[in-house]
Amino acid sequence: MEWTAPDADRSEPPNVADERQMLEGWLEFHRATLLTKCAGLTAQQLRTRAAEPSNLSLLGLIRHLADVERSWFQRRIGGRQIDFLYGDLESNPDGDLDDVDTADAEADLAAYHREVEAAREVVKGRSLEETFFHDYRQVDLSVRWVYLHMIEEYARHNGHADLLRERIDGVTGE
């Protein structure tokens, strides 16, 4: 039997809550939305590109957001010296999106889940006001900023995912 991406459990973010709960709720909602867009698709369907010349695919988005999670939470907030999962900034900066034709979708989805869990662990007990220095941008950024940026990042890519899914099998929705 061919592997298919599992169903996702998506809960609505809170309507009334403190700032941290709202930020976490919306980020979790967007993480689950991406997984919902992939649910039930085969590895080959997840590799399907949008349209020439775009390199976008649902699997590419999963891989990209795994690296984004890793970069902002583990590398930036956590201060860990770890490599990117897919490619590198010098020789293959778009490896997450480009190198999906022979990628192992099941393994990439598992890597995504590990990165999300690692991100949750990194921010446990950290204040939203905590800051770190971003070498490339040459500015201090806060944990709050990262949450807001990640919500924006997912919202943008979930729009792409919605169009990709509709192209694959006609499924639309939130």
N, C-alpha and C. Protein backbone atom coordinates (compact mmCIF):
# COMPACT_ATOMS: atom_id res chain seq x y z
N MET A 1 0.85 -1.19 0.00
CA MET A 1 0.00 0.00 0.00
C MET A 1 0.89 1.25 0.00
N GLU A 2 0.53 2.19 -0.84
CA GLU A 2 1.32 3.41 -0.97
C GLU A 2 1.12 4.33 0.25
N TRP A 3 2.22 4.92 0.71
CA TRP A 3 2.18 5.84 1.84
C TRP A 3 1.40 7.09 1.44
N THR A 4 0.61 7.60 2.37
CA THR A 4 -0.04 8.91 2.19
C THR A 4 0.17 9.72 3.46
N ALA A 5 0.20 11.02 3.30
CA ALA A 5 0.37 11.91 4.44
C ALA A 5 -0.82 11.74 5.39
N PRO A 6 -0.54 11.64 6.69
CA PRO A 6 -1.62 11.40 7.65
C PRO A 6 -2.52 12.62 7.83
N ASP A 7 -3.71 12.36 8.37
CA ASP A 7 -4.62 13.45 8.71
C ASP A 7 -3.98 14.34 9.76
N ALA A 8 -4.39 15.57 9.79
CA ALA A 8 -3.88 16.53 10.77
C ALA A 8 -4.98 16.89 11.75
N ASP A 9 -4.59 17.12 12.98
CA ASP A 9 -5.52 17.55 14.01
C ASP A 9 -5.34 19.06 14.16
N ARG A 10 -6.36 19.80 13.74
CA ARG A 10 -6.26 21.27 13.77
C ARG A 10 -7.33 21.83 14.69
N SER A 11 -6.88 22.57 15.68
CA SER A 11 -7.80 23.24 16.61
C SER A 11 -7.82 24.73 16.32
N GLU A 12 -8.96 25.32 16.54
CA GLU A 12 -9.07 26.77 16.37
C GLU A 12 -8.26 27.48 17.45
N PRO A 13 -7.61 28.58 17.12
CA PRO A 13 -6.90 29.35 18.14
C PRO A 13 -7.90 29.97 19.11
N PRO A 14 -7.45 30.33 20.30
CA PRO A 14 -8.38 30.90 21.29
C PRO A 14 -8.92 32.26 20.85
N ASN A 15 -10.15 32.53 21.25
CA ASN A 15 -10.75 33.84 20.99
C ASN A 15 -10.39 34.85 22.07
N VAL A 16 -10.23 34.36 23.27
CA VAL A 16 -9.86 35.21 24.40
C VAL A 16 -8.77 34.49 25.17
N ALA A 17 -7.62 35.13 25.31
CA ALA A 17 -6.50 34.52 26.02
C ALA A 17 -5.43 35.59 26.22
N ASP A 18 -4.41 35.25 26.99
CA ASP A 18 -3.31 36.20 27.13
C ASP A 18 -2.46 36.17 25.86
N GLU A 19 -1.52 37.08 25.77
CA GLU A 19 -0.73 37.24 24.55
C GLU A 19 0.00 35.96 24.16
N ARG A 20 0.64 35.31 25.11
CA ARG A 20 1.42 34.10 24.82
C ARG A 20 0.51 33.00 24.27
N GLN A 21 -0.64 32.81 24.90
CA GLN A 21 -1.58 31.79 24.44
C GLN A 21 -2.09 32.10 23.03
N MET A 22 -2.33 33.37 22.76
CA MET A 22 -2.77 33.77 21.42
C MET A 22 -1.69 33.49 20.38
N LEU A 23 -0.47 33.89 20.67
CA LEU A 23 0.62 33.66 19.72
C LEU A 23 0.84 32.17 19.47
N GLU A 24 0.89 31.40 20.54
CA GLU A 24 1.07 29.96 20.40
C GLU A 24 -0.12 29.33 19.68
N GLY A 25 -1.33 29.77 20.02
CA GLY A 25 -2.53 29.23 19.38
C GLY A 25 -2.56 29.47 17.89
N TRP A 26 -2.22 30.69 17.48
CA TRP A 26 -2.22 30.99 16.05
C TRP A 26 -1.10 30.28 15.31
N LEU A 27 0.07 30.18 15.93
CA LEU A 27 1.16 29.46 15.28
C LEU A 27 0.80 27.98 15.12
N GLU A 28 0.24 27.38 16.15
CA GLU A 28 -0.17 25.98 16.06
C GLU A 28 -1.26 25.79 15.01
N PHE A 29 -2.18 26.73 14.92
CA PHE A 29 -3.23 26.66 13.92
C PHE A 29 -2.63 26.65 12.51
N HIS A 30 -1.66 27.52 12.27
CA HIS A 30 -1.04 27.60 10.95
C HIS A 30 -0.18 26.38 10.66
N ARG A 31 0.52 25.85 11.66
CA ARG A 31 1.26 24.61 11.46
C ARG A 31 0.31 23.50 11.03
N ALA A 32 -0.80 23.38 11.74
CA ALA A 32 -1.77 22.32 11.43
C ALA A 32 -2.45 22.55 10.08
N THR A 33 -2.63 23.81 9.70
CA THR A 33 -3.22 24.11 8.39
C THR A 33 -2.34 23.56 7.28
N LEU A 34 -1.04 23.75 7.37
CA LEU A 34 -0.13 23.21 6.36
C LEU A 34 -0.28 21.69 6.29
N LEU A 35 -0.31 21.04 7.43
CA LEU A 35 -0.45 19.58 7.44
C LEU A 35 -1.79 19.14 6.88
N THR A 36 -2.84 19.92 7.13
CA THR A 36 -4.16 19.62 6.58
C THR A 36 -4.13 19.65 5.06
N LYS A 37 -3.39 20.60 4.50
CA LYS A 37 -3.28 20.70 3.04
C LYS A 37 -2.56 19.51 2.43
N CYS A 38 -1.76 18.82 3.23
CA CYS A 38 -1.00 17.66 2.74
C CYS A 38 -1.70 16.33 3.02
N ALA A 39 -2.65 16.33 3.93
CA ALA A 39 -3.28 15.08 4.39
C ALA A 39 -3.90 14.29 3.26
N GLY A 40 -3.63 12.99 3.26
CA GLY A 40 -4.22 12.09 2.28
C GLY A 40 -3.53 12.03 0.94
N LEU A 41 -2.50 12.83 0.73
CA LEU A 41 -1.79 12.84 -0.54
C LEU A 41 -0.62 11.86 -0.53
N THR A 42 -0.32 11.31 -1.69
CA THR A 42 0.83 10.42 -1.83
C THR A 42 2.11 11.24 -1.91
N ALA A 43 3.22 10.55 -1.81
CA ALA A 43 4.51 11.23 -1.94
C ALA A 43 4.62 11.93 -3.28
N GLN A 44 4.19 11.27 -4.34
CA GLN A 44 4.27 11.88 -5.67
C GLN A 44 3.38 13.11 -5.76
N GLN A 45 2.20 13.06 -5.20
CA GLN A 45 1.33 14.24 -5.20
C GLN A 45 1.95 15.38 -4.42
N LEU A 46 2.59 15.08 -3.31
CA LEU A 46 3.24 16.12 -2.52
C LEU A 46 4.39 16.78 -3.28
N ARG A 47 4.98 16.04 -4.21
CA ARG A 47 6.09 16.58 -5.02
C ARG A 47 5.61 17.42 -6.20
N THR A 48 4.32 17.40 -6.50
CA THR A 48 3.78 18.10 -7.67
C THR A 48 4.07 19.59 -7.59
N ARG A 49 4.66 20.11 -8.65
CA ARG A 49 5.01 21.54 -8.71
C ARG A 49 3.78 22.35 -9.09
N ALA A 50 3.80 23.62 -8.72
CA ALA A 50 2.68 24.52 -9.01
C ALA A 50 2.50 24.67 -10.52
N ALA A 51 3.41 25.30 -11.16
CA ALA A 51 3.41 25.53 -12.61
C ALA A 51 4.75 26.16 -12.96
N GLU A 52 5.24 25.86 -14.12
CA GLU A 52 6.51 26.45 -14.57
C GLU A 52 6.42 27.97 -14.53
N PRO A 53 7.40 28.68 -14.12
CA PRO A 53 8.72 28.23 -13.69
C PRO A 53 8.81 28.03 -12.17
N SER A 54 7.70 28.06 -11.46
CA SER A 54 7.72 27.95 -10.00
C SER A 54 8.30 26.61 -9.55
N ASN A 55 9.05 26.66 -8.46
CA ASN A 55 9.57 25.44 -7.86
C ASN A 55 8.72 24.99 -6.66
N LEU A 56 7.58 25.62 -6.43
CA LEU A 56 6.75 25.32 -5.26
C LEU A 56 6.05 23.98 -5.38
N SER A 57 6.07 23.24 -4.29
CA SER A 57 5.32 22.00 -4.12
C SER A 57 4.96 21.91 -2.65
N LEU A 58 3.99 21.09 -2.33
CA LEU A 58 3.63 20.91 -0.92
C LEU A 58 4.80 20.31 -0.14
N LEU A 59 5.49 19.34 -0.73
CA LEU A 59 6.63 18.76 -0.05
C LEU A 59 7.72 19.81 0.14
N GLY A 60 7.94 20.64 -0.87
CA GLY A 60 8.91 21.72 -0.73
C GLY A 60 8.55 22.66 0.40
N LEU A 61 7.26 22.96 0.55
CA LEU A 61 6.83 23.83 1.65
C LEU A 61 7.06 23.16 3.01
N ILE A 62 6.79 21.86 3.10
CA ILE A 62 7.06 21.14 4.35
C ILE A 62 8.55 21.23 4.68
N ARG A 63 9.38 20.98 3.69
CA ARG A 63 10.83 21.03 3.90
C ARG A 63 11.29 22.45 4.24
N HIS A 64 10.76 23.44 3.52
CA HIS A 64 11.12 24.83 3.77
C HIS A 64 10.75 25.24 5.20
N LEU A 65 9.54 24.92 5.61
CA LEU A 65 9.10 25.34 6.94
C LEU A 65 9.80 24.55 8.04
N ALA A 66 10.23 23.33 7.78
CA ALA A 66 11.06 22.61 8.75
C ALA A 66 12.37 23.38 8.97
N ASP A 67 12.97 23.85 7.88
CA ASP A 67 14.21 24.63 8.00
C ASP A 67 13.96 25.99 8.65
N VAL A 68 12.84 26.61 8.35
CA VAL A 68 12.50 27.90 8.96
C VAL A 68 12.31 27.72 10.47
N GLU A 69 11.59 26.69 10.87
CA GLU A 69 11.42 26.39 12.30
C GLU A 69 12.79 26.21 12.96
N ARG A 70 13.62 25.41 12.32
CA ARG A 70 14.96 25.14 12.86
C ARG A 70 15.77 26.43 12.98
N SER A 71 15.72 27.24 11.94
CA SER A 71 16.53 28.44 11.91
C SER A 71 16.12 29.44 13.00
N TRP A 72 14.83 29.74 13.08
CA TRP A 72 14.40 30.76 14.03
C TRP A 72 14.41 30.27 15.47
N PHE A 73 13.96 29.07 15.70
CA PHE A 73 13.86 28.62 17.09
C PHE A 73 15.15 28.02 17.62
N GLN A 74 15.69 27.03 16.95
CA GLN A 74 16.89 26.38 17.48
C GLN A 74 18.15 27.23 17.27
N ARG A 75 18.33 27.74 16.05
CA ARG A 75 19.55 28.47 15.75
C ARG A 75 19.53 29.87 16.38
N ARG A 76 18.44 30.59 16.17
CA ARG A 76 18.41 31.98 16.63
C ARG A 76 18.08 32.09 18.12
N ILE A 77 16.89 31.66 18.51
CA ILE A 77 16.50 31.79 19.92
C ILE A 77 17.35 30.88 20.80
N GLY A 78 17.53 29.63 20.39
CA GLY A 78 18.26 28.66 21.20
C GLY A 78 19.77 28.78 21.13
N GLY A 79 20.28 29.51 20.13
CA GLY A 79 21.72 29.70 20.00
C GLY A 79 22.49 28.45 19.61
N ARG A 80 21.82 27.48 19.04
CA ARG A 80 22.46 26.21 18.67
C ARG A 80 23.17 26.35 17.31
N GLN A 81 24.33 25.79 17.23
CA GLN A 81 25.11 25.79 15.99
C GLN A 81 24.78 24.52 15.22
N ILE A 82 23.70 24.56 14.44
CA ILE A 82 23.29 23.39 13.66
C ILE A 82 23.08 23.80 12.21
N ASP A 83 23.31 22.85 11.33
CA ASP A 83 23.18 23.09 9.89
C ASP A 83 21.72 23.13 9.47
N PHE A 84 21.50 23.63 8.28
CA PHE A 84 20.20 23.54 7.65
C PHE A 84 19.93 22.09 7.31
N LEU A 85 18.68 21.73 7.22
CA LEU A 85 18.30 20.36 6.88
C LEU A 85 18.49 20.06 5.40
N TYR A 86 18.20 21.04 4.55
CA TYR A 86 18.16 20.82 3.11
C TYR A 86 18.98 21.88 2.41
N GLY A 87 20.17 21.53 2.01
CA GLY A 87 21.02 22.49 1.33
C GLY A 87 21.74 23.39 2.30
N ASP A 88 22.35 24.42 1.74
CA ASP A 88 23.04 25.42 2.55
C ASP A 88 23.04 26.75 1.81
N LEU A 89 23.31 27.81 2.54
CA LEU A 89 23.20 29.16 1.97
C LEU A 89 24.20 29.41 0.85
N GLU A 90 25.33 28.72 0.88
CA GLU A 90 26.37 28.98 -0.12
C GLU A 90 26.14 28.23 -1.43
N SER A 91 25.99 26.91 -1.36
CA SER A 91 25.96 26.11 -2.58
C SER A 91 24.58 25.66 -3.02
N ASN A 92 23.60 25.66 -2.12
CA ASN A 92 22.27 25.17 -2.47
C ASN A 92 21.22 25.88 -1.60
N PRO A 93 21.07 27.19 -1.75
CA PRO A 93 20.19 27.93 -0.85
C PRO A 93 18.71 27.56 -0.95
N ASP A 94 18.28 27.01 -2.07
CA ASP A 94 16.88 26.63 -2.23
C ASP A 94 16.69 25.11 -2.28
N GLY A 95 17.60 24.38 -1.66
CA GLY A 95 17.51 22.93 -1.66
C GLY A 95 16.22 22.41 -1.06
N ASP A 96 15.69 23.15 -0.09
CA ASP A 96 14.42 22.73 0.53
C ASP A 96 13.30 22.69 -0.49
N LEU A 97 13.26 23.64 -1.40
CA LEU A 97 12.21 23.71 -2.43
C LEU A 97 12.59 23.00 -3.72
N ASP A 98 13.86 23.05 -4.08
CA ASP A 98 14.30 22.51 -5.38
C ASP A 98 14.44 21.00 -5.40
N ASP A 99 14.96 20.42 -4.35
CA ASP A 99 15.39 19.02 -4.37
C ASP A 99 14.32 18.07 -3.87
N VAL A 100 13.12 18.17 -4.42
CA VAL A 100 12.03 17.31 -3.95
C VAL A 100 11.72 16.13 -4.87
N ASP A 101 12.25 16.13 -6.07
CA ASP A 101 11.87 15.09 -7.04
C ASP A 101 12.16 13.68 -6.57
N THR A 102 13.22 13.49 -5.82
CA THR A 102 13.55 12.16 -5.30
C THR A 102 13.54 12.13 -3.78
N ALA A 103 13.03 13.17 -3.17
CA ALA A 103 13.01 13.26 -1.70
C ALA A 103 12.05 12.23 -1.12
N ASP A 104 12.35 11.81 0.10
CA ASP A 104 11.52 10.86 0.84
C ASP A 104 10.47 11.65 1.61
N ALA A 105 9.26 11.70 1.10
CA ALA A 105 8.20 12.53 1.69
C ALA A 105 7.90 12.12 3.13
N GLU A 106 7.85 10.84 3.40
CA GLU A 106 7.56 10.38 4.76
C GLU A 106 8.65 10.83 5.73
N ALA A 107 9.91 10.69 5.32
CA ALA A 107 11.03 11.13 6.17
C ALA A 107 11.02 12.65 6.34
N ASP A 108 10.71 13.37 5.28
CA ASP A 108 10.67 14.83 5.37
C ASP A 108 9.55 15.31 6.28
N LEU A 109 8.41 14.64 6.24
CA LEU A 109 7.31 14.99 7.14
C LEU A 109 7.69 14.70 8.59
N ALA A 110 8.39 13.59 8.82
CA ALA A 110 8.86 13.26 10.17
C ALA A 110 9.87 14.31 10.65
N ALA A 111 10.74 14.76 9.75
CA ALA A 111 11.71 15.80 10.11
C ALA A 111 10.98 17.09 10.47
N TYR A 112 9.95 17.43 9.72
CA TYR A 112 9.15 18.62 10.03
C TYR A 112 8.58 18.51 11.45
N HIS A 113 7.99 17.38 11.78
CA HIS A 113 7.42 17.19 13.12
C HIS A 113 8.48 17.31 14.21
N ARG A 114 9.68 16.78 13.95
CA ARG A 114 10.77 16.90 14.93
C ARG A 114 11.17 18.36 15.13
N GLU A 115 11.22 19.12 14.04
CA GLU A 115 11.61 20.53 14.15
C GLU A 115 10.56 21.34 14.90
N VAL A 116 9.29 21.06 14.65
CA VAL A 116 8.23 21.76 15.39
C VAL A 116 8.33 21.44 16.87
N GLU A 117 8.55 20.18 17.20
CA GLU A 117 8.66 19.80 18.61
C GLU A 117 9.90 20.45 19.25
N ALA A 118 11.00 20.48 18.53
CA ALA A 118 12.21 21.14 19.03
C ALA A 118 11.96 22.63 19.25
N ALA A 119 11.21 23.26 18.35
CA ALA A 119 10.88 24.68 18.49
C ALA A 119 10.06 24.91 19.75
N ARG A 120 9.08 24.06 19.99
CA ARG A 120 8.26 24.19 21.20
C ARG A 120 9.12 24.09 22.45
N GLU A 121 10.07 23.18 22.43
CA GLU A 121 10.96 22.99 23.59
C GLU A 121 11.85 24.20 23.82
N VAL A 122 12.36 24.79 22.75
CA VAL A 122 13.26 25.93 22.86
C VAL A 122 12.57 27.11 23.56
N VAL A 123 11.31 27.34 23.25
CA VAL A 123 10.64 28.53 23.80
C VAL A 123 9.97 28.29 25.16
N LYS A 124 9.93 27.05 25.60
CA LYS A 124 9.34 26.77 26.92
C LYS A 124 10.05 27.58 27.99
N GLY A 125 9.29 28.34 28.74
CA GLY A 125 9.85 29.11 29.84
C GLY A 125 10.56 30.39 29.43
N ARG A 126 10.64 30.68 28.16
CA ARG A 126 11.30 31.92 27.72
C ARG A 126 10.27 33.04 27.65
N SER A 127 10.69 34.19 28.04
CA SER A 127 9.84 35.37 27.99
C SER A 127 9.71 35.86 26.55
N LEU A 128 8.55 36.42 26.23
CA LEU A 128 8.38 37.03 24.91
C LEU A 128 9.32 38.21 24.73
N GLU A 129 9.76 38.81 25.81
CA GLU A 129 10.66 39.96 25.74
C GLU A 129 12.12 39.57 25.58
N GLU A 130 12.44 38.30 25.77
CA GLU A 130 13.83 37.86 25.61
C GLU A 130 14.30 38.18 24.20
N THR A 131 15.55 38.62 24.09
CA THR A 131 16.09 38.99 22.78
C THR A 131 17.34 38.19 22.44
N PHE A 132 17.67 38.23 21.17
CA PHE A 132 18.91 37.64 20.66
C PHE A 132 19.38 38.55 19.54
N PHE A 133 20.67 38.48 19.24
CA PHE A 133 21.23 39.28 18.16
C PHE A 133 21.20 38.48 16.86
N HIS A 134 20.63 39.07 15.83
CA HIS A 134 20.56 38.43 14.51
C HIS A 134 21.74 38.93 13.69
N ASP A 135 22.69 38.06 13.45
CA ASP A 135 23.93 38.44 12.77
C ASP A 135 23.71 39.02 11.38
N TYR A 136 22.87 38.38 10.58
CA TYR A 136 22.66 38.82 9.21
C TYR A 136 21.96 40.18 9.15
N ARG A 137 20.92 40.35 9.95
CA ARG A 137 20.17 41.60 9.95
C ARG A 137 20.84 42.69 10.79
N GLN A 138 21.76 42.28 11.65
CA GLN A 138 22.49 43.20 12.53
C GLN A 138 21.55 43.96 13.46
N VAL A 139 20.60 43.23 14.04
CA VAL A 139 19.65 43.83 14.99
C VAL A 139 19.33 42.82 16.09
N ASP A 140 18.84 43.37 17.21
CA ASP A 140 18.28 42.53 18.25
C ASP A 140 16.83 42.23 17.88
N LEU A 141 16.40 40.99 18.10
CA LEU A 141 15.03 40.58 17.87
C LEU A 141 14.52 39.88 19.11
N SER A 142 13.22 39.93 19.31
CA SER A 142 12.63 39.31 20.49
C SER A 142 11.96 37.99 20.14
N VAL A 143 11.71 37.19 21.16
CA VAL A 143 10.94 35.96 20.98
C VAL A 143 9.56 36.31 20.43
N ARG A 144 8.97 37.39 20.91
CA ARG A 144 7.67 37.86 20.40
C ARG A 144 7.74 38.09 18.89
N TRP A 145 8.80 38.75 18.43
CA TRP A 145 8.97 39.02 17.01
C TRP A 145 9.01 37.71 16.22
N VAL A 146 9.70 36.70 16.75
CA VAL A 146 9.79 35.42 16.05
C VAL A 146 8.41 34.78 15.93
N TYR A 147 7.63 34.80 17.01
CA TYR A 147 6.26 34.26 16.91
C TYR A 147 5.47 34.97 15.82
N LEU A 148 5.51 36.28 15.82
CA LEU A 148 4.76 37.04 14.81
C LEU A 148 5.27 36.76 13.40
N HIS A 149 6.58 36.68 13.26
CA HIS A 149 7.16 36.38 11.95
C HIS A 149 6.75 34.99 11.49
N MET A 150 6.77 34.02 12.38
CA MET A 150 6.41 32.65 12.00
C MET A 150 4.94 32.56 11.61
N ILE A 151 4.07 33.27 12.30
CA ILE A 151 2.65 33.29 11.92
C ILE A 151 2.51 33.87 10.52
N GLU A 152 3.23 34.95 10.24
CA GLU A 152 3.20 35.56 8.90
C GLU A 152 3.77 34.59 7.86
N GLU A 153 4.87 33.94 8.19
CA GLU A 153 5.51 33.00 7.26
C GLU A 153 4.55 31.86 6.89
N TYR A 154 3.94 31.28 7.90
CA TYR A 154 2.98 30.19 7.64
C TYR A 154 1.76 30.70 6.89
N ALA A 155 1.23 31.86 7.25
CA ALA A 155 0.04 32.37 6.59
C ALA A 155 0.29 32.54 5.09
N ARG A 156 1.44 33.08 4.75
CA ARG A 156 1.79 33.28 3.34
C ARG A 156 1.92 31.94 2.63
N HIS A 157 2.65 31.02 3.22
CA HIS A 157 2.86 29.73 2.58
C HIS A 157 1.60 28.85 2.59
N ASN A 158 0.73 29.05 3.56
CA ASN A 158 -0.52 28.30 3.55
C ASN A 158 -1.41 28.75 2.39
N GLY A 159 -1.30 29.99 1.99
CA GLY A 159 -1.99 30.44 0.78
C GLY A 159 -1.47 29.71 -0.44
N HIS A 160 -0.14 29.54 -0.50
CA HIS A 160 0.45 28.75 -1.59
C HIS A 160 -0.05 27.31 -1.52
N ALA A 161 -0.05 26.76 -0.30
CA ALA A 161 -0.46 25.36 -0.11
C ALA A 161 -1.91 25.14 -0.55
N ASP A 162 -2.75 26.11 -0.29
CA ASP A 162 -4.16 26.01 -0.69
C ASP A 162 -4.28 25.89 -2.21
N LEU A 163 -3.54 26.71 -2.93
CA LEU A 163 -3.56 26.65 -4.39
C LEU A 163 -2.93 25.36 -4.92
N LEU A 164 -1.85 24.93 -4.29
CA LEU A 164 -1.22 23.68 -4.71
C LEU A 164 -2.16 22.50 -4.52
N ARG A 165 -2.82 22.44 -3.38
CA ARG A 165 -3.74 21.33 -3.12
C ARG A 165 -4.90 21.34 -4.11
N GLU A 166 -5.42 22.51 -4.39
CA GLU A 166 -6.53 22.59 -5.35
C GLU A 166 -6.08 22.10 -6.73
N ARG A 167 -4.86 22.42 -7.11
CA ARG A 167 -4.34 21.97 -8.40
C ARG A 167 -4.20 20.46 -8.45
N ILE A 168 -3.83 19.86 -7.32
CA ILE A 168 -3.58 18.41 -7.29
C ILE A 168 -4.88 17.62 -7.39
N ASP A 169 -5.87 17.95 -6.55
CA ASP A 169 -7.07 17.12 -6.53
C ASP A 169 -8.37 17.90 -6.37
N GLY A 170 -8.30 19.21 -6.51
CA GLY A 170 -9.52 20.03 -6.44
C GLY A 170 -10.00 20.35 -5.05
N VAL A 171 -9.31 19.84 -4.01
CA VAL A 171 -9.75 20.11 -2.64
C VAL A 171 -9.43 21.55 -2.26
N THR A 172 -10.42 22.23 -1.72
CA THR A 172 -10.25 23.59 -1.24
C THR A 172 -10.75 23.66 0.20
N GLY A 173 -10.56 24.77 0.81
CA GLY A 173 -11.04 24.94 2.18
C GLY A 173 -10.08 25.73 3.00
N GLU A 174 -10.43 25.89 4.24
CA GLU A 174 -9.60 26.68 5.15
C GLU A 174 -8.39 25.92 5.59
